[in-house]
N, C-alpha and C. Protein backbone atom coordinates (compact mmCIF):
# COMPACT_ATOMS: atom_id res chain seq x y z
N MET A 1 12.12 -1.68 8.94
CA MET A 1 10.93 -2.30 8.38
C MET A 1 11.05 -2.26 6.85
N ARG A 2 10.73 -3.36 6.21
CA ARG A 2 10.75 -3.45 4.75
C ARG A 2 9.31 -3.61 4.28
N VAL A 3 8.87 -2.65 3.46
CA VAL A 3 7.47 -2.60 3.02
C VAL A 3 7.41 -2.63 1.50
N LEU A 4 6.53 -3.49 0.98
CA LEU A 4 6.21 -3.51 -0.44
C LEU A 4 4.94 -2.71 -0.62
N GLY A 5 5.04 -1.58 -1.33
CA GLY A 5 3.87 -0.78 -1.66
C GLY A 5 3.28 -1.25 -2.97
N VAL A 6 1.95 -1.32 -3.03
CA VAL A 6 1.26 -1.79 -4.24
C VAL A 6 0.22 -0.75 -4.64
N ASP A 7 0.40 -0.20 -5.83
CA ASP A 7 -0.60 0.68 -6.44
C ASP A 7 -1.36 -0.18 -7.44
N PRO A 8 -2.50 -0.75 -7.03
CA PRO A 8 -3.15 -1.78 -7.85
C PRO A 8 -3.74 -1.24 -9.15
N GLY A 9 -3.66 -2.07 -10.16
CA GLY A 9 -4.25 -1.77 -11.45
C GLY A 9 -4.09 -2.98 -12.34
N LEU A 10 -4.99 -3.13 -13.29
CA LEU A 10 -4.91 -4.27 -14.21
C LEU A 10 -3.95 -4.01 -15.35
N THR A 11 -3.91 -2.79 -15.86
CA THR A 11 -3.00 -2.48 -16.96
C THR A 11 -1.59 -2.29 -16.44
N ARG A 12 -1.47 -1.51 -15.35
CA ARG A 12 -0.17 -1.29 -14.69
C ARG A 12 -0.40 -1.38 -13.18
N CYS A 13 0.25 -2.36 -12.58
CA CYS A 13 0.21 -2.51 -11.13
C CYS A 13 1.58 -2.05 -10.61
N GLY A 14 1.60 -0.89 -9.95
CA GLY A 14 2.85 -0.34 -9.45
C GLY A 14 3.33 -1.08 -8.22
N LEU A 15 4.65 -1.34 -8.15
CA LEU A 15 5.25 -2.03 -7.03
C LEU A 15 6.51 -1.28 -6.60
N GLY A 16 6.67 -1.08 -5.30
CA GLY A 16 7.86 -0.41 -4.81
C GLY A 16 8.21 -0.90 -3.43
N VAL A 17 9.49 -1.16 -3.20
CA VAL A 17 9.95 -1.66 -1.90
C VAL A 17 10.82 -0.59 -1.25
N VAL A 18 10.46 -0.26 -0.01
CA VAL A 18 11.20 0.74 0.76
C VAL A 18 11.55 0.12 2.10
N GLU A 19 12.75 0.43 2.57
CA GLU A 19 13.19 -0.07 3.87
C GLU A 19 13.59 1.12 4.74
N GLY A 20 13.26 1.03 6.02
CA GLY A 20 13.65 2.08 6.95
C GLY A 20 12.70 2.15 8.13
N VAL A 21 12.92 3.18 8.94
CA VAL A 21 12.06 3.43 10.09
C VAL A 21 11.71 4.92 10.10
N ALA A 22 10.61 5.23 10.76
CA ALA A 22 10.17 6.62 10.85
C ALA A 22 11.26 7.46 11.49
N GLY A 23 11.47 8.64 10.94
CA GLY A 23 12.45 9.56 11.50
C GLY A 23 13.87 9.37 11.00
N ARG A 24 14.08 8.39 10.15
CA ARG A 24 15.41 8.11 9.59
C ARG A 24 15.32 8.13 8.08
N PRO A 25 16.44 8.33 7.39
CA PRO A 25 16.40 8.25 5.92
C PRO A 25 15.94 6.87 5.46
N LEU A 26 15.14 6.86 4.42
CA LEU A 26 14.59 5.62 3.87
C LEU A 26 15.39 5.21 2.64
N THR A 27 15.34 3.92 2.33
CA THR A 27 16.07 3.38 1.19
C THR A 27 15.12 2.65 0.25
N MET A 28 15.18 2.99 -1.04
CA MET A 28 14.41 2.26 -2.03
C MET A 28 15.20 1.01 -2.41
N LEU A 29 14.54 -0.14 -2.35
CA LEU A 29 15.18 -1.40 -2.72
C LEU A 29 14.75 -1.89 -4.10
N GLY A 30 13.64 -1.39 -4.58
CA GLY A 30 13.16 -1.79 -5.90
C GLY A 30 11.91 -1.04 -6.28
N VAL A 31 11.72 -0.84 -7.57
CA VAL A 31 10.51 -0.17 -8.06
C VAL A 31 10.24 -0.65 -9.47
N GLY A 32 8.96 -0.80 -9.81
CA GLY A 32 8.59 -1.23 -11.15
C GLY A 32 7.09 -1.38 -11.27
N VAL A 33 6.67 -1.95 -12.38
CA VAL A 33 5.25 -2.22 -12.61
C VAL A 33 5.09 -3.60 -13.23
N VAL A 34 3.96 -4.21 -12.93
CA VAL A 34 3.54 -5.41 -13.63
C VAL A 34 2.53 -4.93 -14.66
N ARG A 35 2.80 -5.21 -15.91
CA ARG A 35 1.92 -4.77 -17.01
C ARG A 35 1.14 -5.95 -17.57
N THR A 36 -0.12 -5.66 -17.92
CA THR A 36 -0.91 -6.67 -18.62
C THR A 36 -1.57 -6.01 -19.82
N PRO A 37 -1.72 -6.75 -20.93
CA PRO A 37 -2.35 -6.16 -22.12
C PRO A 37 -3.85 -5.95 -21.90
N ALA A 38 -4.31 -4.78 -22.27
CA ALA A 38 -5.73 -4.43 -22.08
C ALA A 38 -6.66 -5.35 -22.85
N ASP A 39 -6.17 -5.97 -23.93
CA ASP A 39 -7.03 -6.82 -24.75
C ASP A 39 -7.00 -8.29 -24.30
N ALA A 40 -6.23 -8.61 -23.27
CA ALA A 40 -6.17 -9.99 -22.78
C ALA A 40 -7.41 -10.31 -21.95
N GLU A 41 -7.71 -11.58 -21.83
CA GLU A 41 -8.84 -12.05 -21.04
C GLU A 41 -8.57 -11.74 -19.56
N LEU A 42 -9.62 -11.37 -18.82
CA LEU A 42 -9.48 -10.93 -17.43
C LEU A 42 -8.72 -11.94 -16.58
N GLY A 43 -9.06 -13.21 -16.69
CA GLY A 43 -8.38 -14.23 -15.89
C GLY A 43 -6.88 -14.25 -16.15
N GLN A 44 -6.49 -14.12 -17.42
CA GLN A 44 -5.07 -14.11 -17.78
C GLN A 44 -4.37 -12.89 -17.18
N ARG A 45 -5.07 -11.76 -17.16
CA ARG A 45 -4.49 -10.53 -16.60
C ARG A 45 -4.28 -10.69 -15.09
N LEU A 46 -5.25 -11.29 -14.42
CA LEU A 46 -5.11 -11.49 -12.98
C LEU A 46 -3.97 -12.46 -12.66
N VAL A 47 -3.82 -13.49 -13.48
CA VAL A 47 -2.71 -14.43 -13.29
C VAL A 47 -1.38 -13.70 -13.48
N ALA A 48 -1.30 -12.82 -14.47
CA ALA A 48 -0.06 -12.06 -14.70
C ALA A 48 0.26 -11.17 -13.50
N VAL A 49 -0.75 -10.54 -12.93
CA VAL A 49 -0.53 -9.70 -11.73
C VAL A 49 -0.06 -10.58 -10.58
N GLU A 50 -0.68 -11.75 -10.42
CA GLU A 50 -0.27 -12.66 -9.34
C GLU A 50 1.18 -13.11 -9.53
N GLN A 51 1.54 -13.49 -10.73
CA GLN A 51 2.91 -13.95 -10.98
C GLN A 51 3.92 -12.83 -10.71
N GLY A 52 3.58 -11.62 -11.11
CA GLY A 52 4.46 -10.49 -10.83
C GLY A 52 4.60 -10.24 -9.34
N MET A 53 3.49 -10.28 -8.62
CA MET A 53 3.52 -10.10 -7.16
C MET A 53 4.38 -11.17 -6.50
N GLU A 54 4.20 -12.40 -6.91
CA GLU A 54 4.96 -13.50 -6.32
C GLU A 54 6.46 -13.32 -6.55
N ARG A 55 6.84 -12.87 -7.75
CA ARG A 55 8.27 -12.60 -8.01
C ARG A 55 8.81 -11.53 -7.07
N TRP A 56 8.04 -10.45 -6.88
CA TRP A 56 8.48 -9.37 -6.00
C TRP A 56 8.56 -9.84 -4.56
N LEU A 57 7.59 -10.64 -4.12
CA LEU A 57 7.62 -11.16 -2.75
C LEU A 57 8.82 -12.08 -2.55
N ASP A 58 9.12 -12.93 -3.54
CA ASP A 58 10.28 -13.81 -3.46
C ASP A 58 11.58 -13.02 -3.41
N GLU A 59 11.69 -12.03 -4.28
CA GLU A 59 12.95 -11.28 -4.38
C GLU A 59 13.20 -10.35 -3.20
N HIS A 60 12.16 -9.68 -2.71
CA HIS A 60 12.38 -8.62 -1.72
C HIS A 60 12.01 -8.99 -0.28
N ARG A 61 11.26 -10.05 -0.08
CA ARG A 61 10.92 -10.53 1.25
C ARG A 61 10.43 -9.42 2.19
N PRO A 62 9.35 -8.72 1.82
CA PRO A 62 8.86 -7.63 2.68
C PRO A 62 8.27 -8.16 3.98
N GLU A 63 8.31 -7.32 5.00
CA GLU A 63 7.68 -7.65 6.28
C GLU A 63 6.20 -7.29 6.27
N LEU A 64 5.81 -6.40 5.35
CA LEU A 64 4.43 -5.94 5.27
C LEU A 64 4.16 -5.50 3.83
N VAL A 65 2.91 -5.63 3.41
CA VAL A 65 2.49 -5.15 2.10
C VAL A 65 1.46 -4.05 2.32
N ALA A 66 1.75 -2.86 1.78
CA ALA A 66 0.84 -1.71 1.88
C ALA A 66 0.16 -1.53 0.53
N VAL A 67 -1.17 -1.61 0.53
CA VAL A 67 -1.95 -1.56 -0.70
C VAL A 67 -2.85 -0.33 -0.66
N GLU A 68 -2.96 0.32 -1.82
CA GLU A 68 -3.87 1.46 -1.89
C GLU A 68 -5.31 0.97 -1.75
N ARG A 69 -6.04 1.59 -0.84
CA ARG A 69 -7.45 1.24 -0.63
C ARG A 69 -8.25 1.71 -1.85
N VAL A 70 -9.03 0.82 -2.41
CA VAL A 70 -9.84 1.15 -3.58
C VAL A 70 -10.99 2.03 -3.14
N PHE A 71 -11.19 3.12 -3.87
CA PHE A 71 -12.29 4.01 -3.55
C PHE A 71 -13.18 4.16 -4.77
N SER A 72 -14.39 4.60 -4.54
CA SER A 72 -15.37 4.71 -5.62
C SER A 72 -15.02 5.84 -6.56
N GLN A 73 -15.05 5.53 -7.83
CA GLN A 73 -14.86 6.53 -8.87
C GLN A 73 -16.10 6.50 -9.74
N HIS A 74 -16.14 7.37 -10.71
CA HIS A 74 -17.29 7.38 -11.61
C HIS A 74 -17.21 6.23 -12.62
N ASN A 75 -16.02 5.80 -12.96
CA ASN A 75 -15.84 4.74 -13.94
C ASN A 75 -15.81 3.38 -13.23
N VAL A 76 -16.94 2.69 -13.21
CA VAL A 76 -17.08 1.42 -12.51
C VAL A 76 -16.10 0.38 -13.06
N ARG A 77 -15.87 0.40 -14.35
CA ARG A 77 -14.96 -0.57 -14.97
C ARG A 77 -13.54 -0.42 -14.40
N THR A 78 -13.08 0.81 -14.24
CA THR A 78 -11.76 1.07 -13.68
C THR A 78 -11.71 0.62 -12.22
N VAL A 79 -12.75 0.91 -11.47
CA VAL A 79 -12.80 0.51 -10.05
C VAL A 79 -12.75 -1.00 -9.93
N MET A 80 -13.46 -1.70 -10.79
CA MET A 80 -13.47 -3.16 -10.72
C MET A 80 -12.08 -3.73 -10.98
N GLY A 81 -11.41 -3.26 -12.00
CA GLY A 81 -10.06 -3.74 -12.31
C GLY A 81 -9.10 -3.45 -11.18
N THR A 82 -9.20 -2.26 -10.61
CA THR A 82 -8.34 -1.88 -9.50
C THR A 82 -8.62 -2.78 -8.29
N ALA A 83 -9.88 -3.00 -8.00
CA ALA A 83 -10.25 -3.86 -6.86
C ALA A 83 -9.78 -5.29 -7.07
N GLN A 84 -9.87 -5.79 -8.29
CA GLN A 84 -9.43 -7.15 -8.57
C GLN A 84 -7.92 -7.29 -8.41
N ALA A 85 -7.16 -6.32 -8.90
CA ALA A 85 -5.71 -6.35 -8.75
C ALA A 85 -5.32 -6.20 -7.28
N SER A 86 -6.06 -5.38 -6.55
CA SER A 86 -5.83 -5.20 -5.12
C SER A 86 -6.04 -6.52 -4.37
N ALA A 87 -7.11 -7.22 -4.72
CA ALA A 87 -7.40 -8.50 -4.07
C ALA A 87 -6.31 -9.52 -4.35
N VAL A 88 -5.78 -9.53 -5.56
CA VAL A 88 -4.69 -10.46 -5.90
C VAL A 88 -3.47 -10.16 -5.02
N ALA A 89 -3.13 -8.87 -4.87
CA ALA A 89 -1.98 -8.49 -4.04
C ALA A 89 -2.18 -8.93 -2.59
N MET A 90 -3.38 -8.70 -2.06
CA MET A 90 -3.67 -9.08 -0.67
C MET A 90 -3.63 -10.60 -0.50
N LEU A 91 -4.15 -11.33 -1.48
CA LEU A 91 -4.14 -12.79 -1.44
C LEU A 91 -2.71 -13.34 -1.44
N CYS A 92 -1.87 -12.80 -2.31
CA CYS A 92 -0.47 -13.26 -2.38
C CYS A 92 0.23 -13.04 -1.04
N ALA A 93 0.01 -11.89 -0.42
CA ALA A 93 0.62 -11.61 0.89
C ALA A 93 0.04 -12.53 1.95
N ALA A 94 -1.26 -12.70 1.97
CA ALA A 94 -1.91 -13.53 2.99
C ALA A 94 -1.44 -14.98 2.92
N ARG A 95 -1.25 -15.50 1.71
CA ARG A 95 -0.76 -16.87 1.55
C ARG A 95 0.57 -17.09 2.28
N ARG A 96 1.37 -16.04 2.34
CA ARG A 96 2.70 -16.11 2.96
C ARG A 96 2.69 -15.65 4.41
N GLY A 97 1.53 -15.26 4.90
CA GLY A 97 1.45 -14.79 6.28
C GLY A 97 2.01 -13.39 6.47
N ILE A 98 2.08 -12.62 5.38
CA ILE A 98 2.59 -11.25 5.45
C ILE A 98 1.42 -10.31 5.73
N PRO A 99 1.52 -9.49 6.78
CA PRO A 99 0.43 -8.55 7.07
C PRO A 99 0.22 -7.57 5.92
N VAL A 100 -1.03 -7.15 5.77
CA VAL A 100 -1.41 -6.18 4.74
C VAL A 100 -2.03 -4.97 5.42
N ALA A 101 -1.63 -3.78 4.98
CA ALA A 101 -2.22 -2.53 5.46
C ALA A 101 -2.81 -1.81 4.25
N LEU A 102 -3.97 -1.21 4.44
CA LEU A 102 -4.61 -0.45 3.37
C LEU A 102 -4.53 1.04 3.71
N HIS A 103 -4.20 1.84 2.72
CA HIS A 103 -4.11 3.29 2.90
C HIS A 103 -4.87 3.96 1.76
N THR A 104 -5.64 5.00 2.10
CA THR A 104 -6.39 5.73 1.08
C THR A 104 -5.44 6.62 0.28
N PRO A 105 -5.82 6.95 -0.96
CA PRO A 105 -4.97 7.84 -1.75
C PRO A 105 -4.69 9.18 -1.05
N SER A 106 -5.70 9.76 -0.43
CA SER A 106 -5.48 11.06 0.23
C SER A 106 -4.57 10.91 1.45
N GLU A 107 -4.65 9.80 2.16
CA GLU A 107 -3.76 9.54 3.29
C GLU A 107 -2.31 9.45 2.82
N VAL A 108 -2.08 8.76 1.71
CA VAL A 108 -0.74 8.62 1.16
C VAL A 108 -0.20 9.97 0.71
N LYS A 109 -1.02 10.72 -0.02
CA LYS A 109 -0.60 12.04 -0.50
C LYS A 109 -0.26 12.96 0.67
N ALA A 110 -1.11 12.95 1.69
CA ALA A 110 -0.86 13.80 2.86
C ALA A 110 0.43 13.41 3.58
N ALA A 111 0.67 12.11 3.70
CA ALA A 111 1.88 11.64 4.39
C ALA A 111 3.14 12.05 3.63
N VAL A 112 3.11 11.97 2.33
CA VAL A 112 4.31 12.20 1.52
C VAL A 112 4.51 13.67 1.16
N THR A 113 3.41 14.39 0.88
CA THR A 113 3.54 15.77 0.42
C THR A 113 3.07 16.81 1.43
N GLY A 114 2.27 16.38 2.39
CA GLY A 114 1.68 17.35 3.32
C GLY A 114 0.28 17.78 2.90
N SER A 115 -0.16 17.36 1.72
CA SER A 115 -1.49 17.72 1.23
C SER A 115 -2.19 16.48 0.67
N GLY A 116 -3.38 16.21 1.17
CA GLY A 116 -4.17 15.09 0.67
C GLY A 116 -4.70 15.30 -0.73
N ARG A 117 -4.52 16.51 -1.27
CA ARG A 117 -5.00 16.83 -2.63
C ARG A 117 -3.86 16.98 -3.63
N ALA A 118 -2.67 16.53 -3.27
CA ALA A 118 -1.50 16.66 -4.14
C ALA A 118 -1.74 15.92 -5.46
N ASP A 119 -1.14 16.43 -6.53
CA ASP A 119 -1.25 15.74 -7.81
C ASP A 119 -0.10 14.74 -7.97
N LYS A 120 -0.17 13.97 -9.05
CA LYS A 120 0.83 12.91 -9.28
C LYS A 120 2.24 13.48 -9.39
N ALA A 121 2.39 14.64 -10.00
CA ALA A 121 3.72 15.25 -10.15
C ALA A 121 4.30 15.60 -8.78
N GLN A 122 3.47 16.12 -7.88
CA GLN A 122 3.94 16.47 -6.54
C GLN A 122 4.35 15.22 -5.77
N VAL A 123 3.56 14.16 -5.89
CA VAL A 123 3.90 12.90 -5.22
C VAL A 123 5.22 12.36 -5.76
N GLY A 124 5.36 12.35 -7.08
CA GLY A 124 6.60 11.87 -7.70
C GLY A 124 7.81 12.68 -7.26
N ALA A 125 7.64 14.00 -7.18
CA ALA A 125 8.75 14.87 -6.77
C ALA A 125 9.16 14.60 -5.33
N MET A 126 8.19 14.41 -4.45
CA MET A 126 8.51 14.16 -3.04
C MET A 126 9.11 12.77 -2.84
N VAL A 127 8.61 11.78 -3.56
CA VAL A 127 9.20 10.44 -3.48
C VAL A 127 10.66 10.50 -3.92
N THR A 128 10.91 11.23 -4.99
CA THR A 128 12.28 11.40 -5.49
C THR A 128 13.18 12.02 -4.42
N ARG A 129 12.67 13.04 -3.79
CA ARG A 129 13.44 13.74 -2.75
C ARG A 129 13.64 12.88 -1.51
N LEU A 130 12.57 12.26 -1.04
CA LEU A 130 12.63 11.46 0.19
C LEU A 130 13.55 10.25 0.07
N LEU A 131 13.58 9.67 -1.13
CA LEU A 131 14.40 8.48 -1.34
C LEU A 131 15.75 8.81 -1.99
N ARG A 132 16.00 10.10 -2.18
CA ARG A 132 17.27 10.57 -2.74
C ARG A 132 17.55 9.92 -4.11
N LEU A 133 16.55 9.98 -4.98
CA LEU A 133 16.66 9.41 -6.32
C LEU A 133 17.09 10.50 -7.30
N ASP A 134 17.63 10.10 -8.43
CA ASP A 134 18.05 11.05 -9.45
C ASP A 134 16.87 11.63 -10.22
N ALA A 135 15.81 10.85 -10.37
CA ALA A 135 14.63 11.28 -11.13
C ALA A 135 13.40 10.57 -10.58
N PRO A 136 12.22 11.16 -10.81
CA PRO A 136 11.00 10.50 -10.36
C PRO A 136 10.82 9.15 -11.06
N PRO A 137 10.40 8.13 -10.32
CA PRO A 137 10.14 6.83 -10.94
C PRO A 137 9.01 6.95 -11.97
N LYS A 138 9.17 6.25 -13.07
CA LYS A 138 8.16 6.24 -14.13
C LYS A 138 7.70 4.81 -14.35
N PRO A 139 6.45 4.59 -14.67
CA PRO A 139 5.36 5.54 -14.72
C PRO A 139 4.92 5.97 -13.32
N ALA A 140 3.91 6.82 -13.26
CA ALA A 140 3.43 7.35 -11.98
C ALA A 140 2.99 6.24 -11.03
N ASP A 141 2.53 5.11 -11.58
CA ASP A 141 2.09 3.99 -10.74
C ASP A 141 3.25 3.49 -9.87
N ALA A 142 4.46 3.52 -10.41
CA ALA A 142 5.64 3.08 -9.66
C ALA A 142 5.94 4.05 -8.52
N ALA A 143 5.86 5.35 -8.81
CA ALA A 143 6.08 6.36 -7.77
C ALA A 143 5.01 6.25 -6.70
N ASP A 144 3.77 6.00 -7.10
CA ASP A 144 2.68 5.85 -6.13
C ASP A 144 2.90 4.64 -5.22
N ALA A 145 3.45 3.57 -5.76
CA ALA A 145 3.73 2.38 -4.95
C ALA A 145 4.79 2.70 -3.89
N LEU A 146 5.82 3.45 -4.28
CA LEU A 146 6.84 3.86 -3.30
C LEU A 146 6.22 4.78 -2.24
N ALA A 147 5.32 5.67 -2.67
CA ALA A 147 4.66 6.57 -1.72
C ALA A 147 3.84 5.77 -0.71
N LEU A 148 3.19 4.69 -1.15
CA LEU A 148 2.43 3.83 -0.23
C LEU A 148 3.35 3.22 0.82
N ALA A 149 4.50 2.73 0.39
CA ALA A 149 5.44 2.12 1.33
C ALA A 149 5.96 3.17 2.31
N ILE A 150 6.29 4.36 1.83
CA ILE A 150 6.76 5.44 2.70
C ILE A 150 5.68 5.80 3.71
N CYS A 151 4.46 5.97 3.23
CA CYS A 151 3.33 6.31 4.10
C CYS A 151 3.21 5.30 5.23
N HIS A 152 3.28 4.04 4.90
CA HIS A 152 3.12 3.02 5.94
C HIS A 152 4.27 3.06 6.95
N ILE A 153 5.47 3.18 6.48
CA ILE A 153 6.61 3.22 7.40
C ILE A 153 6.47 4.40 8.36
N TRP A 154 6.05 5.53 7.86
CA TRP A 154 5.92 6.72 8.70
C TRP A 154 4.72 6.65 9.64
N ARG A 155 3.64 6.04 9.19
CA ARG A 155 2.41 6.04 10.00
C ARG A 155 2.27 4.82 10.90
N ALA A 156 2.98 3.76 10.63
CA ALA A 156 2.82 2.52 11.41
C ALA A 156 3.09 2.72 12.90
N PRO A 157 4.14 3.43 13.32
CA PRO A 157 4.37 3.57 14.77
C PRO A 157 3.19 4.23 15.49
N ALA A 158 2.63 5.28 14.90
CA ALA A 158 1.49 5.96 15.53
C ALA A 158 0.26 5.06 15.53
N GLN A 159 0.04 4.34 14.42
CA GLN A 159 -1.11 3.44 14.36
C GLN A 159 -0.98 2.32 15.39
N ASN A 160 0.23 1.80 15.55
CA ASN A 160 0.45 0.73 16.53
C ASN A 160 0.19 1.24 17.95
N ARG A 161 0.66 2.44 18.26
CA ARG A 161 0.42 3.01 19.60
C ARG A 161 -1.07 3.21 19.84
N LEU A 162 -1.78 3.66 18.84
CA LEU A 162 -3.22 3.86 18.97
C LEU A 162 -3.93 2.53 19.21
N GLN A 163 -3.56 1.50 18.44
CA GLN A 163 -4.18 0.19 18.62
C GLN A 163 -3.89 -0.37 20.02
N GLN A 164 -2.67 -0.18 20.50
CA GLN A 164 -2.31 -0.65 21.84
C GLN A 164 -3.11 0.09 22.91
N ALA A 165 -3.30 1.39 22.73
CA ALA A 165 -4.08 2.17 23.69
C ALA A 165 -5.53 1.72 23.71
N VAL A 166 -6.09 1.46 22.54
CA VAL A 166 -7.49 0.99 22.46
C VAL A 166 -7.62 -0.38 23.13
N ALA A 167 -6.66 -1.27 22.87
CA ALA A 167 -6.69 -2.60 23.48
C ALA A 167 -6.55 -2.51 25.00
N LEU A 168 -5.67 -1.64 25.47
CA LEU A 168 -5.48 -1.46 26.92
C LEU A 168 -6.74 -0.92 27.56
N HIS A 169 -7.37 0.06 26.91
CA HIS A 169 -8.61 0.63 27.44
C HIS A 169 -9.71 -0.43 27.50
N ALA A 170 -9.80 -1.24 26.45
CA ALA A 170 -10.82 -2.30 26.43
C ALA A 170 -10.57 -3.33 27.52
N ALA A 171 -9.30 -3.64 27.78
CA ALA A 171 -8.96 -4.61 28.82
C ALA A 171 -9.29 -4.08 30.21
N ARG A 172 -9.19 -2.79 30.40
CA ARG A 172 -9.42 -2.18 31.72
C ARG A 172 -10.88 -1.83 31.97
N SER A 173 -11.67 -1.73 30.93
CA SER A 173 -13.07 -1.34 31.08
C SER A 173 -13.88 -2.50 31.63
N PRO A 174 -14.68 -2.21 32.64
CA PRO A 174 -15.54 -3.29 33.18
C PRO A 174 -16.61 -3.64 32.16
N ILE A 175 -16.91 -4.92 32.09
CA ILE A 175 -17.94 -5.39 31.18
C ILE A 175 -19.27 -5.35 31.92
N PRO A 176 -20.24 -4.60 31.40
CA PRO A 176 -21.53 -4.53 32.10
C PRO A 176 -22.23 -5.89 32.07
N SER A 177 -22.87 -6.21 33.19
CA SER A 177 -23.59 -7.48 33.25
C SER A 177 -24.89 -7.33 32.51
N LYS A 178 -25.33 -8.43 31.91
CA LYS A 178 -26.57 -8.40 31.13
C LYS A 178 -27.74 -8.87 31.98
N GLY A 179 -28.84 -8.20 31.78
CA GLY A 179 -30.07 -8.64 32.40
C GLY A 179 -30.22 -8.31 33.87
N ARG A 180 -29.23 -7.68 34.48
CA ARG A 180 -29.36 -7.37 35.90
C ARG A 180 -29.40 -5.86 36.08
N THR A 181 -30.25 -5.43 36.93
CA THR A 181 -30.32 -4.01 37.25
C THR A 181 -30.04 -3.84 38.73
N ALA A 182 -29.56 -2.69 39.07
CA ALA A 182 -29.22 -2.45 40.47
C ALA A 182 -30.38 -2.01 41.28
């Protein structure tokens, strides 16, 4: 499975491509960030994120895009920029028919480090180790994007089995009739 991880942001949108399957060594195919100037007009920044995403999708041809789920912070301005960059990433994938999975920051940290409260240095160190890199990817947004891709590759098989079990249970459950009593 080839996954493009996206750590959304308007100033730095982290991107990382990882290939592999759960239980086997993973391979990093690319890592970087799309940068936009903080003083640029919002529309121009979103276009720059879109163009960067499109280049990565063209170059790496991922089977799935894993995006960090935006969560509420105290700084509404930061949340808005993150949500807007996240929407651009999801839109670019959807246009191409590429499935998108959302993962929370704590889910990603727990998958990669074993602790949902890990700091950025711990995530970077584990990404470096798991992908057999010489040094942690810089900036941290790039390492976080790789962590998102790793998280999805590792968690997708279990999530798929759970979804199949739920669908099977729903198919086997009798549908109660409406308006009739015994």
